[in-house]
PDB file of N, CA and C in Angstrom:
ATOM      1  N   UNK A   1     -10.260  27.890  56.453  1.00  0.00           N
ATOM      2  CA  UNK A   1      -9.672  28.613  57.549  1.00  0.00           C
ATOM      3  C   UNK A   1      -8.631  29.579  57.022  1.00  0.00           C
ATOM      4  N   UNK A   2      -8.713  30.829  57.348  1.00  0.00           N
ATOM      5  CA  UNK A   2      -7.734  31.797  56.865  1.00  0.00           C
ATOM      6  C   UNK A   2      -6.399  31.657  57.612  1.00  0.00           C
ATOM      7  N   UNK A   3      -5.342  31.915  56.905  1.00  0.00           N
ATOM      8  CA  UNK A   3      -4.005  31.893  57.487  1.00  0.00           C
ATOM      9  C   UNK A   3      -3.485  33.310  57.483  1.00  0.00           C
ATOM     10  N   UNK A   4      -3.247  33.866  58.656  1.00  0.00           N
ATOM     11  CA  UNK A   4      -2.675  35.209  58.717  1.00  0.00           C
ATOM     12  C   UNK A   4      -1.231  35.142  58.267  1.00  0.00           C
ATOM     13  N   UNK A   5      -0.816  36.091  57.505  1.00  0.00           N
ATOM     14  CA  UNK A   5       0.552  36.233  57.014  1.00  0.00           C
ATOM     15  C   UNK A   5       0.960  35.100  56.084  1.00  0.00           C
ATOM     16  N   UNK A   6      -0.001  34.416  55.467  1.00  0.00           N
ATOM     17  CA  UNK A   6       0.319  33.315  54.558  1.00  0.00           C
ATOM     18  C   UNK A   6       1.184  33.785  53.399  1.00  0.00           C
ATOM     19  N   UNK A   7       0.955  35.007  52.949  1.00  0.00           N
ATOM     20  CA  UNK A   7       1.711  35.516  51.803  1.00  0.00           C
ATOM     21  C   UNK A   7       3.197  35.654  52.110  1.00  0.00           C
ATOM     22  N   UNK A   8       3.568  35.639  53.390  1.00  0.00           N
ATOM     23  CA  UNK A   8       4.971  35.759  53.784  1.00  0.00           C
ATOM     24  C   UNK A   8       5.568  34.414  54.175  1.00  0.00           C
ATOM     25  N   UNK A   9       4.786  33.343  54.068  1.00  0.00           N
ATOM     26  CA  UNK A   9       5.230  32.023  54.522  1.00  0.00           C
ATOM     27  C   UNK A   9       5.667  31.164  53.341  1.00  0.00           C
ATOM     28  N   UNK A  10       6.572  30.240  53.613  1.00  0.00           N
ATOM     29  CA  UNK A  10       7.032  29.297  52.594  1.00  0.00           C
ATOM     30  C   UNK A  10       6.228  28.008  52.631  1.00  0.00           C
ATOM     31  N   UNK A  11       5.378  27.879  53.638  1.00  0.00           N
ATOM     32  CA  UNK A  11       4.574  26.674  53.772  1.00  0.00           C
ATOM     33  C   UNK A  11       3.816  26.684  55.078  1.00  0.00           C
ATOM     34  N   UNK A  12       3.251  25.523  55.388  1.00  0.00           N
ATOM     35  CA  UNK A  12       2.432  25.420  56.586  1.00  0.00           C
ATOM     36  C   UNK A  12       2.725  24.088  57.286  1.00  0.00           C
ATOM     37  N   UNK A  13       2.778  24.138  58.620  1.00  0.00           N
ATOM     38  CA  UNK A  13       3.005  22.958  59.453  1.00  0.00           C
ATOM     39  C   UNK A  13       1.900  22.946  60.505  1.00  0.00           C
ATOM     40  N   UNK A  14       0.760  22.314  60.187  1.00  0.00           N
ATOM     41  CA  UNK A  14      -0.344  22.341  61.146  1.00  0.00           C
ATOM     42  C   UNK A  14      -0.103  21.383  62.311  1.00  0.00           C
ATOM     43  N   UNK A  15      -0.583  21.759  63.455  1.00  0.00           N
ATOM     44  CA  UNK A  15      -0.593  20.875  64.627  1.00  0.00           C
ATOM     45  C   UNK A  15      -2.062  20.682  64.985  1.00  0.00           C
ATOM     46  N   UNK A  16      -2.595  19.521  64.661  1.00  0.00           N
ATOM     47  CA  UNK A  16      -4.004  19.230  64.882  1.00  0.00           C
ATOM     48  C   UNK A  16      -4.119  18.252  66.041  1.00  0.00           C
ATOM     49  N   UNK A  17      -4.892  18.627  67.046  1.00  0.00           N
ATOM     50  CA  UNK A  17      -5.007  17.796  68.240  1.00  0.00           C
ATOM     51  C   UNK A  17      -6.423  17.258  68.414  1.00  0.00           C
ATOM     52  N   UNK A  18      -6.509  16.045  68.893  1.00  0.00           N
ATOM     53  CA  UNK A  18      -7.763  15.412  69.279  1.00  0.00           C
ATOM     54  C   UNK A  18      -7.647  15.003  70.738  1.00  0.00           C
ATOM     55  N   UNK A  19      -8.610  14.250  71.245  1.00  0.00           N
ATOM     56  CA  UNK A  19      -8.591  13.845  72.652  1.00  0.00           C
ATOM     57  C   UNK A  19      -7.343  13.045  73.037  1.00  0.00           C
ATOM     58  N   UNK A  20      -6.767  12.307  72.082  1.00  0.00           N
ATOM     59  CA  UNK A  20      -5.605  11.459  72.370  1.00  0.00           C
ATOM     60  C   UNK A  20      -4.272  12.136  72.049  1.00  0.00           C
ATOM     61  N   UNK A  21      -4.303  13.382  71.596  1.00  0.00           N
ATOM     62  CA  UNK A  21      -3.072  14.081  71.235  1.00  0.00           C
ATOM     63  C   UNK A  21      -3.065  14.463  69.768  1.00  0.00           C
ATOM     64  N   UNK A  22      -1.874  14.495  69.176  1.00  0.00           N
ATOM     65  CA  UNK A  22      -1.744  14.876  67.768  1.00  0.00           C
ATOM     66  C   UNK A  22      -2.524  13.926  66.873  1.00  0.00           C
ATOM     67  N   UNK A  23      -3.154  14.484  65.857  1.00  0.00           N
ATOM     68  CA  UNK A  23      -3.980  13.728  64.909  1.00  0.00           C
ATOM     69  C   UNK A  23      -3.286  13.726  63.550  1.00  0.00           C
ATOM     70  N   UNK A  24      -3.266  12.574  62.895  1.00  0.00           N
ATOM     71  CA  UNK A  24      -2.753  12.481  61.540  1.00  0.00           C
ATOM     72  C   UNK A  24      -3.882  12.889  60.594  1.00  0.00           C
ATOM     73  N   UNK A  25      -3.662  13.951  59.837  1.00  0.00           N
ATOM     74  CA  UNK A  25      -4.678  14.412  58.892  1.00  0.00           C
ATOM     75  C   UNK A  25      -4.824  13.424  57.739  1.00  0.00           C
ATOM     76  N   UNK A  26      -6.024  13.302  57.238  1.00  0.00           N
ATOM     77  CA  UNK A  26      -6.281  12.477  56.059  1.00  0.00           C
ATOM     78  C   UNK A  26      -5.789  13.240  54.828  1.00  0.00           C
ATOM     79  N   UNK A  27      -5.608  12.548  53.703  1.00  0.00           N
ATOM     80  CA  UNK A  27      -5.253  13.265  52.482  1.00  0.00           C
ATOM     81  C   UNK A  27      -6.291  14.337  52.110  1.00  0.00           C
ATOM     82  N   UNK A  28      -7.574  14.044  52.319  1.00  0.00           N
ATOM     83  CA  UNK A  28      -8.620  15.032  51.999  1.00  0.00           C
ATOM     84  C   UNK A  28      -8.483  16.273  52.890  1.00  0.00           C
ATOM     85  N   UNK A  29      -8.229  16.071  54.183  1.00  0.00           N
ATOM     86  CA  UNK A  29      -8.038  17.202  55.093  1.00  0.00           C
ATOM     87  C   UNK A  29      -6.782  17.993  54.713  1.00  0.00           C
ATOM     88  N   UNK A  30      -5.737  17.281  54.313  1.00  0.00           N
ATOM     89  CA  UNK A  30      -4.499  17.951  53.892  1.00  0.00           C
ATOM     90  C   UNK A  30      -4.738  18.793  52.646  1.00  0.00           C
ATOM     91  N   UNK A  31      -5.523  18.282  51.702  1.00  0.00           N
ATOM     92  CA  UNK A  31      -5.836  19.039  50.478  1.00  0.00           C
ATOM     93  C   UNK A  31      -6.616  20.303  50.813  1.00  0.00           C
ATOM     94  N   UNK A  32      -7.584  20.195  51.743  1.00  0.00           N
ATOM     95  CA  UNK A  32      -8.353  21.382  52.163  1.00  0.00           C
ATOM     96  C   UNK A  32      -7.435  22.398  52.836  1.00  0.00           C
ATOM     97  N   UNK A  33      -6.536  21.919  53.682  1.00  0.00           N
ATOM     98  CA  UNK A  33      -5.602  22.795  54.378  1.00  0.00           C
ATOM     99  C   UNK A  33      -4.729  23.535  53.363  1.00  0.00           C
ATOM    100  N   UNK A  34      -4.220  22.816  52.367  1.00  0.00           N
ATOM    101  CA  UNK A  34      -3.379  23.433  51.341  1.00  0.00           C
ATOM    102  C   UNK A  34      -4.179  24.473  50.548  1.00  0.00           C
ATOM    103  N   UNK A  35      -5.414  24.136  50.180  1.00  0.00           N
ATOM    104  CA  UNK A  35      -6.254  25.074  49.435  1.00  0.00           C
ATOM    105  C   UNK A  35      -6.522  26.332  50.259  1.00  0.00           C
ATOM    106  N   UNK A  36      -6.798  26.178  51.541  1.00  0.00           N
ATOM    107  CA  UNK A  36      -7.030  27.336  52.415  1.00  0.00           C
ATOM    108  C   UNK A  36      -5.781  28.191  52.533  1.00  0.00           C
ATOM    109  N   UNK A  37      -4.631  27.537  52.641  1.00  0.00           N
ATOM    110  CA  UNK A  37      -3.358  28.251  52.740  1.00  0.00           C
ATOM    111  C   UNK A  37      -3.116  29.089  51.487  1.00  0.00           C
ATOM    112  N   UNK A  38      -3.313  28.478  50.316  1.00  0.00           N
ATOM    113  CA  UNK A  38      -3.103  29.191  49.050  1.00  0.00           C
ATOM    114  C   UNK A  38      -4.135  30.309  48.892  1.00  0.00           C
ATOM    115  N   UNK A  39      -5.391  30.041  49.242  1.00  0.00           N
ATOM    116  CA  UNK A  39      -6.445  31.060  49.146  1.00  0.00           C
ATOM    117  C   UNK A  39      -6.167  32.247  50.062  1.00  0.00           C
ATOM    118  N   UNK A  40      -5.399  32.020  51.124  1.00  0.00           N
ATOM    119  CA  UNK A  40      -5.060  33.095  52.059  1.00  0.00           C
ATOM    120  C   UNK A  40      -3.813  33.855  51.635  1.00  0.00           C
ATOM    121  N   UNK A  41      -3.267  33.522  50.457  1.00  0.00           N
ATOM    122  CA  UNK A  41      -2.107  34.248  49.947  1.00  0.00           C
ATOM    123  C   UNK A  41      -0.815  33.468  49.977  1.00  0.00           C
ATOM    124  N   UNK A  42      -0.859  32.242  50.459  1.00  0.00           N
ATOM    125  CA  UNK A  42       0.350  31.420  50.500  1.00  0.00           C
ATOM    126  C   UNK A  42       0.738  30.960  49.101  1.00  0.00           C
ATOM    127  N   UNK A  43       2.022  30.651  48.910  1.00  0.00           N
ATOM    128  CA  UNK A  43       2.467  30.228  47.583  1.00  0.00           C
ATOM    129  C   UNK A  43       1.916  28.854  47.209  1.00  0.00           C
ATOM    130  N   UNK A  44       1.536  28.695  45.940  1.00  0.00           N
ATOM    131  CA  UNK A  44       0.999  27.411  45.484  1.00  0.00           C
ATOM    132  C   UNK A  44       2.013  26.294  45.608  1.00  0.00           C
ATOM    133  N   UNK A  45       3.283  26.627  45.492  1.00  0.00           N
ATOM    134  CA  UNK A  45       4.314  25.600  45.621  1.00  0.00           C
ATOM    135  C   UNK A  45       4.872  25.527  47.043  1.00  0.00           C
ATOM    136  N   UNK A  46       4.156  26.112  47.998  1.00  0.00           N
ATOM    137  CA  UNK A  46       4.593  26.084  49.392  1.00  0.00           C
ATOM    138  C   UNK A  46       4.543  24.681  49.974  1.00  0.00           C
ATOM    139  N   UNK A  47       5.399  24.444  50.938  1.00  0.00           N
ATOM    140  CA  UNK A  47       5.452  23.144  51.600  1.00  0.00           C
ATOM    141  C   UNK A  47       4.261  22.936  52.519  1.00  0.00           C
ATOM    142  N   UNK A  48       3.804  21.701  52.581  1.00  0.00           N
ATOM    143  CA  UNK A  48       2.818  21.262  53.571  1.00  0.00           C
ATOM    144  C   UNK A  48       3.485  20.129  54.331  1.00  0.00           C
ATOM    145  N   UNK A  49       3.717  20.348  55.610  1.00  0.00           N
ATOM    146  CA  UNK A  49       4.411  19.387  56.448  1.00  0.00           C
ATOM    147  C   UNK A  49       3.410  18.805  57.437  1.00  0.00           C
ATOM    148  N   UNK A  50       3.246  17.486  57.410  1.00  0.00           N
ATOM    149  CA  UNK A  50       2.304  16.825  58.322  1.00  0.00           C
ATOM    150  C   UNK A  50       3.020  15.896  59.267  1.00  0.00           C
ATOM    151  N   UNK A  51       2.462  15.778  60.460  1.00  0.00           N
ATOM    152  CA  UNK A  51       2.896  14.738  61.376  1.00  0.00           C
ATOM    153  C   UNK A  51       2.225  13.458  60.923  1.00  0.00           C
ATOM    154  N   UNK A  52       3.011  12.399  60.699  1.00  0.00           N
ATOM    155  CA  UNK A  52       2.483  11.145  60.196  1.00  0.00           C
ATOM    156  C   UNK A  52       2.262  10.087  61.252  1.00  0.00           C
ATOM    157  N   UNK A  53       2.446  10.441  62.526  1.00  0.00           N
ATOM    158  CA  UNK A  53       2.245   9.451  63.578  1.00  0.00           C
ATOM    159  C   UNK A  53       3.471   8.584  63.775  1.00  0.00           C
ATOM    160  N   UNK A  54       3.349   7.574  64.610  1.00  0.00           N
ATOM    161  CA  UNK A  54       4.496   6.715  64.882  1.00  0.00           C
ATOM    162  C   UNK A  54       4.854   5.808  63.699  1.00  0.00           C
ATOM    163  N   UNK A  55       3.911   5.583  62.799  1.00  0.00           N
ATOM    164  CA  UNK A  55       4.163   4.749  61.621  1.00  0.00           C
ATOM    165  C   UNK A  55       3.699   5.523  60.395  1.00  0.00           C
ATOM    166  N   UNK A  56       4.631   5.880  59.536  1.00  0.00           N
ATOM    167  CA  UNK A  56       4.253   6.608  58.330  1.00  0.00           C
ATOM    168  C   UNK A  56       3.490   5.689  57.388  1.00  0.00           C
ATOM    169  N   UNK A  57       2.552   6.233  56.646  1.00  0.00           N
ATOM    170  CA  UNK A  57       1.815   5.390  55.701  1.00  0.00           C
ATOM    171  C   UNK A  57       2.752   4.865  54.615  1.00  0.00           C
ATOM    172  N   UNK A  58       2.552   3.616  54.230  1.00  0.00           N
ATOM    173  CA  UNK A  58       3.368   3.028  53.168  1.00  0.00           C
ATOM    174  C   UNK A  58       2.972   3.633  51.832  1.00  0.00           C
ATOM    175  N   UNK A  59       1.695   3.832  51.624  1.00  0.00           N
ATOM    176  CA  UNK A  59       1.191   4.403  50.378  1.00  0.00           C
ATOM    177  C   UNK A  59       1.041   5.908  50.558  1.00  0.00           C
ATOM    178  N   UNK A  60       1.868   6.670  49.873  1.00  0.00           N
ATOM    179  CA  UNK A  60       1.871   8.120  50.057  1.00  0.00           C
ATOM    180  C   UNK A  60       1.310   8.884  48.862  1.00  0.00           C
ATOM    181  N   UNK A  61       0.883   8.190  47.821  1.00  0.00           N
ATOM    182  CA  UNK A  61       0.417   8.861  46.605  1.00  0.00           C
ATOM    183  C   UNK A  61      -0.717   9.837  46.888  1.00  0.00           C
ATOM    184  N   UNK A  62      -1.675   9.447  47.742  1.00  0.00           N
ATOM    185  CA  UNK A  62      -2.798  10.345  48.045  1.00  0.00           C
ATOM    186  C   UNK A  62      -2.323  11.593  48.779  1.00  0.00           C
ATOM    187  N   UNK A  63      -1.337  11.450  49.646  1.00  0.00           N
ATOM    188  CA  UNK A  63      -0.796  12.618  50.354  1.00  0.00           C
ATOM    189  C   UNK A  63      -0.033  13.519  49.379  1.00  0.00           C
ATOM    190  N   UNK A  64       0.751  12.926  48.487  1.00  0.00           N
ATOM    191  CA  UNK A  64       1.459  13.722  47.484  1.00  0.00           C
ATOM    192  C   UNK A  64       0.470  14.465  46.593  1.00  0.00           C
ATOM    193  N   UNK A  65      -0.593  13.800  46.173  1.00  0.00           N
ATOM    194  CA  UNK A  65      -1.609  14.433  45.334  1.00  0.00           C
ATOM    195  C   UNK A  65      -2.300  15.577  46.066  1.00  0.00           C
ATOM    196  N   UNK A  66      -2.377  15.484  47.387  1.00  0.00           N
ATOM    197  CA  UNK A  66      -3.011  16.529  48.190  1.00  0.00           C
ATOM    198  C   UNK A  66      -2.088  17.720  48.424  1.00  0.00           C
ATOM    199  N   UNK A  67      -0.826  17.609  47.999  1.00  0.00           N
ATOM    200  CA  UNK A  67       0.112  18.716  48.159  1.00  0.00           C
ATOM    201  C   UNK A  67       1.045  18.595  49.341  1.00  0.00           C
ATOM    202  N   UNK A  68       1.009  17.456  50.025  1.00  0.00           N
ATOM    203  CA  UNK A  68       1.902  17.255  51.175  1.00  0.00           C
ATOM    204  C   UNK A  68       3.314  17.018  50.649  1.00  0.00           C
ATOM    205  N   UNK A  69       4.270  17.784  51.177  1.00  0.00           N
ATOM    206  CA  UNK A  69       5.652  17.662  50.735  1.00  0.00           C
ATOM    207  C   UNK A  69       6.547  16.970  51.753  1.00  0.00           C
ATOM    208  N   UNK A  70       6.128  16.957  53.019  1.00  0.00           N
ATOM    209  CA  UNK A  70       6.890  16.308  54.087  1.00  0.00           C
ATOM    210  C   UNK A  70       5.929  15.632  55.050  1.00  0.00           C
ATOM    211  N   UNK A  71       6.308  14.429  55.541  1.00  0.00           N
ATOM    212  CA  UNK A  71       5.577  13.775  56.631  1.00  0.00           C
ATOM    213  C   UNK A  71       6.605  13.398  57.684  1.00  0.00           C
ATOM    214  N   UNK A  72       6.332  13.798  58.898  1.00  0.00           N
ATOM    215  CA  UNK A  72       7.249  13.556  60.008  1.00  0.00           C
ATOM    216  C   UNK A  72       6.758  12.398  60.855  1.00  0.00           C
ATOM    217  N   UNK A  73       7.687  11.692  61.471  1.00  0.00           N
ATOM    218  CA  UNK A  73       7.341  10.612  62.378  1.00  0.00           C
ATOM    219  C   UNK A  73       8.169  10.756  63.642  1.00  0.00           C
ATOM    220  N   UNK A  74       7.652  10.216  64.731  1.00  0.00           N
ATOM    221  CA  UNK A  74       8.412  10.239  65.982  1.00  0.00           C
ATOM    222  C   UNK A  74       9.185   8.937  66.174  1.00  0.00           C
ATOM    223  N   UNK A  75       9.114   8.038  65.210  1.00  0.00           N
ATOM    224  CA  UNK A  75       9.844   6.784  65.302  1.00  0.00           C
ATOM    225  C   UNK A  75       9.108   5.708  66.069  1.00  0.00           C
ATOM    226  N   UNK A  76       7.982   6.063  66.684  1.00  0.00           N
ATOM    227  CA  UNK A  76       7.224   5.069  67.440  1.00  0.00           C
ATOM    228  C   UNK A  76       8.050   4.459  68.554  1.00  0.00           C
ATOM    229  N   UNK A  77       7.752   3.249  68.874  1.00  0.00           N
ATOM    230  CA  UNK A  77       8.447   2.549  69.960  1.00  0.00           C
ATOM    231  C   UNK A  77       9.518   1.632  69.371  1.00  0.00           C
ATOM    232  N   UNK A  78      10.191   2.069  68.348  1.00  0.00           N
ATOM    233  CA  UNK A  78      11.189   1.247  67.674  1.00  0.00           C
ATOM    234  C   UNK A  78      12.467   1.149  68.482  1.00  0.00           C
ATOM    235  N   UNK A  79      13.143   0.019  68.309  1.00  0.00           N
ATOM    236  CA  UNK A  79      14.488  -0.115  68.863  1.00  0.00           C
ATOM    237  C   UNK A  79      15.473   0.566  67.940  1.00  0.00           C
ATOM    238  N   UNK A  80      16.714   0.709  68.385  1.00  0.00           N
ATOM    239  CA  UNK A  80      17.716   1.434  67.609  1.00  0.00           C
ATOM    240  C   UNK A  80      17.943   0.830  66.230  1.00  0.00           C
ATOM    241  N   UNK A  81      18.075  -0.503  66.147  1.00  0.00           N
ATOM    242  CA  UNK A  81      18.349  -1.134  64.851  1.00  0.00           C
ATOM    243  C   UNK A  81      17.192  -0.933  63.881  1.00  0.00           C
ATOM    244  N   UNK A  82      15.951  -1.091  64.365  1.00  0.00           N
ATOM    245  CA  UNK A  82      14.793  -0.890  63.495  1.00  0.00           C
ATOM    246  C   UNK A  82      14.705   0.562  63.044  1.00  0.00           C
ATOM    247  N   UNK A  83      14.994   1.489  63.953  1.00  0.00           N
ATOM    248  CA  UNK A  83      14.953   2.915  63.602  1.00  0.00           C
ATOM    249  C   UNK A  83      16.041   3.250  62.581  1.00  0.00           C
ATOM    250  N   UNK A  84      17.238   2.702  62.750  1.00  0.00           N
ATOM    251  CA  UNK A  84      18.315   2.933  61.774  1.00  0.00           C
ATOM    252  C   UNK A  84      17.924   2.402  60.393  1.00  0.00           C
ATOM    253  N   UNK A  85      17.334   1.208  60.341  1.00  0.00           N
ATOM    254  CA  UNK A  85      16.907   0.625  59.065  1.00  0.00           C
ATOM    255  C   UNK A  85      15.815   1.480  58.420  1.00  0.00           C
ATOM    256  N   UNK A  86      14.906   2.012  59.239  1.00  0.00           N
ATOM    257  CA  UNK A  86      13.831   2.878  58.751  1.00  0.00           C
ATOM    258  C   UNK A  86      14.420   4.127  58.102  1.00  0.00           C
ATOM    259  N   UNK A  87      15.372   4.748  58.765  1.00  0.00           N
ATOM    260  CA  UNK A  87      15.999   5.964  58.242  1.00  0.00           C
ATOM    261  C   UNK A  87      16.811   5.640  56.985  1.00  0.00           C
ATOM    262  N   UNK A  88      17.557   4.543  57.002  1.00  0.00           N
ATOM    263  CA  UNK A  88      18.384   4.163  55.856  1.00  0.00           C
ATOM    264  C   UNK A  88      17.536   3.870  54.622  1.00  0.00           C
ATOM    265  N   UNK A  89      16.317   3.370  54.805  1.00  0.00           N
ATOM    266  CA  UNK A  89      15.440   3.062  53.677  1.00  0.00           C
ATOM    267  C   UNK A  89      14.967   4.320  52.963  1.00  0.00           C
ATOM    268  N   UNK A  90      15.009   5.451  53.618  1.00  0.00           N
ATOM    269  CA  UNK A  90      14.572   6.698  53.007  1.00  0.00           C
ATOM    270  C   UNK A  90      13.056   6.822  53.021  1.00  0.00           C
ATOM    271  N   UNK A  91      12.568   7.946  52.511  1.00  0.00           N
ATOM    272  CA  UNK A  91      11.121   8.206  52.563  1.00  0.00           C
ATOM    273  C   UNK A  91      10.348   7.304  51.605  1.00  0.00           C
ATOM    274  N   UNK A  92       9.113   6.977  51.974  1.00  0.00           N
ATOM    275  CA  UNK A  92       8.281   6.243  51.024  1.00  0.00           C
ATOM    276  C   UNK A  92       7.963   7.136  49.827  1.00  0.00           C
ATOM    277  N   UNK A  93       7.857   6.565  48.674  1.00  0.00           N
ATOM    278  CA  UNK A  93       7.567   7.311  47.447  1.00  0.00           C
ATOM    279  C   UNK A  93       6.388   6.666  46.742  1.00  0.00           C
ATOM    280  N   UNK A  94       5.681   7.460  45.977  1.00  0.00           N
ATOM    281  CA  UNK A  94       4.542   6.912  45.234  1.00  0.00           C
ATOM    282  C   UNK A  94       4.978   6.258  43.949  1.00  0.00           C
ATOM    283  N   UNK A  95       6.216   6.384  43.574  1.00  0.00           N
ATOM    284  CA  UNK A  95       6.709   5.777  42.349  1.00  0.00           C
ATOM    285  C   UNK A  95       6.582   6.675  41.125  1.00  0.00           C
ATOM    286  N   UNK A  96       6.107   7.899  41.352  1.00  0.00           N
ATOM    287  CA  UNK A  96       5.922   8.831  40.223  1.00  0.00           C
ATOM    288  C   UNK A  96       7.247   9.427  39.788  1.00  0.00           C
TER     289      UNK A  96
END
């Protein structure tokens, strides 16, 4: 998929919708999206920001390998204490 004005962008934040609302892209879909963005003139080191759903994946190595630099969450149906602990723990890392 071509990205208009990709050469002027610092990254891409796709909003992919299915019948139930926002869809969490797979690592393979994220890699294709990044490749399309770069092929359209976007920077190779540009950010790829994905919505990760109410629960972010614990294993993020495949997303990192696909070029994803940020994954966002809406916090799900967490209570305040659980949400605070989630934020305090910081982002999941692949250990690399």
